[in-house]
Structure formats: structure tokens, C-alpha cells
Amino acid sequence: MDTNLSTADKIKQHLQQSVEQATVKNRFAPWRRDCPIFTNLDFLYSGMARTINCVESGRDFLQFSDEVLKKNIAHSTYFDALHSHTRLQLVKD
């Protein structure tokens, strides 16, 4: 990592590297099952967005995602993904 970067840029760079690594692992994972509506990459990004933004709950995050991020995620799709063993494995990897 570049030491001349701001803290925000360092965090962004770290997150991008982590997602890139996860994407490569996901591409070749034997358990890979990707949903075209809410991809594994969307799932990872939404998880990061939820943790770094000030939201009260999952429902609050979905409203935030729709209004601010312009990413409309269906309630059932999001919460089903949170309980998915496949998505859990993705995050663990």
C-alpha cells in the first residue's frame, strides 16, 4: 500500500483488493452458485456498505441502498442471502 494515501483512500484500496481476491476465489470455487439478480459481488459490496454507513437495521440499509446508492435490493432477496450457507462460505473464504 502507498503510504502517501489518505486514510479513506487506504480503506478503499484495501476493500478493493479484498473484493478482487474474493472474486477470483468465487470464480473458481466448486460450490459457486451465483444469482443473476443479486450476485456474490453485489452481496460483498452491500455487506461492506452496510457496515461503513450509519444504518439502524437491515430494513434501514435497504432504504439507504435504494435512496442513496441507487441499488434496489428486494427485501426477501437480501435477507435470504444473509442466511445462505453458500454466501457465508464466500465471506469466510
Protein backbone atom coordinates (compact mmCIF):
# COMPACT_ATOMS: atom_id res chain seq x y z
CA MET A 1 0.00 0.00 0.00
CA ASP A 2 1.09 3.53 -0.75
CA THR A 3 1.97 5.49 2.42
CA ASN A 4 1.02 8.81 0.77
CA LEU A 5 -2.67 7.88 0.58
CA SER A 6 -5.29 9.36 2.87
CA THR A 7 -6.94 7.07 5.39
CA ALA A 8 -10.11 6.95 3.28
CA ASP A 9 -8.10 6.01 0.20
CA LYS A 10 -6.22 3.31 2.13
CA ILE A 11 -9.52 1.82 3.28
CA LYS A 12 -10.92 1.97 -0.25
CA GLN A 13 -7.79 0.33 -1.66
CA HIS A 14 -7.91 -2.42 0.97
CA LEU A 15 -11.60 -3.09 0.28
CA GLN A 16 -11.00 -3.23 -3.47
CA GLN A 17 -8.14 -5.70 -3.01
CA SER A 18 -10.26 -7.86 -0.71
CA VAL A 19 -13.15 -7.92 -3.18
CA GLU A 20 -10.79 -8.73 -6.06
CA GLN A 21 -9.38 -11.68 -4.09
CA ALA A 22 -12.87 -12.89 -3.21
CA THR A 23 -13.96 -12.53 -6.82
CA VAL A 24 -11.09 -14.71 -8.03
CA LYS A 25 -11.83 -17.35 -5.38
CA ASN A 26 -15.53 -17.22 -6.22
CA ARG A 27 -14.87 -17.62 -9.94
CA PHE A 28 -13.15 -20.96 -9.41
CA ALA A 29 -14.97 -22.19 -6.29
CA PRO A 30 -16.50 -25.66 -6.56
CA TRP A 31 -19.55 -24.51 -4.56
CA ARG A 32 -20.17 -21.45 -6.73
CA ARG A 33 -23.84 -20.69 -7.41
CA ASP A 34 -24.43 -17.13 -8.49
CA CYS A 35 -27.80 -15.40 -8.50
CA PRO A 36 -28.14 -13.06 -11.51
CA ILE A 37 -30.39 -10.70 -9.55
CA PHE A 38 -28.10 -10.32 -6.51
CA THR A 39 -24.63 -11.55 -7.43
CA ASN A 40 -21.98 -12.62 -4.95
CA LEU A 41 -20.10 -9.44 -5.75
CA ASP A 42 -23.24 -7.38 -5.04
CA PHE A 43 -23.57 -9.29 -1.77
CA LEU A 44 -20.00 -8.45 -0.73
CA TYR A 45 -20.34 -4.79 -1.67
CA SER A 46 -23.66 -4.48 0.14
CA GLY A 47 -22.14 -6.03 3.26
CA MET A 48 -19.32 -3.52 3.21
CA ALA A 49 -21.72 -0.65 2.52
CA ARG A 50 -23.91 -1.70 5.43
CA THR A 51 -21.01 -1.80 7.86
CA ILE A 52 -19.45 1.53 6.90
CA ASN A 53 -22.68 3.53 6.73
CA CYS A 54 -24.83 4.66 9.62
CA VAL A 55 -27.90 2.46 9.35
CA GLU A 56 -30.08 1.17 12.19
CA SER A 57 -31.16 -2.18 10.77
CA GLY A 58 -31.32 -4.34 7.68
CA ARG A 59 -34.51 -2.64 6.55
CA ASP A 60 -32.93 0.76 7.11
CA PHE A 61 -29.99 -0.36 4.99
CA LEU A 62 -32.30 -1.43 2.17
CA GLN A 63 -33.91 2.01 2.18
CA PHE A 64 -30.46 3.63 2.26
CA SER A 65 -29.33 1.40 -0.59
CA ASP A 66 -32.34 2.32 -2.69
CA GLU A 67 -32.30 6.06 -1.99
CA VAL A 68 -28.59 6.85 -1.73
CA LEU A 69 -26.72 4.07 -3.51
CA LYS A 70 -29.40 3.74 -6.22
CA LYS A 71 -29.29 -0.04 -5.75
CA ASN A 72 -32.75 -1.51 -5.25
CA ILE A 73 -32.43 -4.84 -3.45
CA ALA A 74 -35.59 -6.81 -2.76
CA HIS A 75 -36.26 -7.44 0.93
CA SER A 76 -36.57 -11.21 0.55
CA THR A 77 -33.52 -11.45 -1.73
CA TYR A 78 -31.33 -9.56 0.75
CA PHE A 79 -32.40 -11.42 3.87
CA ASP A 80 -32.34 -14.81 2.14
CA ALA A 81 -28.77 -14.05 1.05
CA LEU A 82 -27.83 -13.21 4.64
CA HIS A 83 -28.96 -16.69 5.72
CA SER A 84 -27.37 -18.53 2.80
CA HIS A 85 -24.69 -21.11 3.66
CA THR A 86 -23.15 -20.54 0.22
CA ARG A 87 -22.81 -16.79 0.84
CA LEU A 88 -21.40 -17.49 4.31
CA GLN A 89 -18.73 -19.68 2.71
CA LEU A 90 -17.93 -16.87 0.26
CA VAL A 91 -17.37 -14.44 3.12
CA LYS A 92 -15.27 -16.95 5.07
CA ASP A 93 -13.05 -17.55 2.05
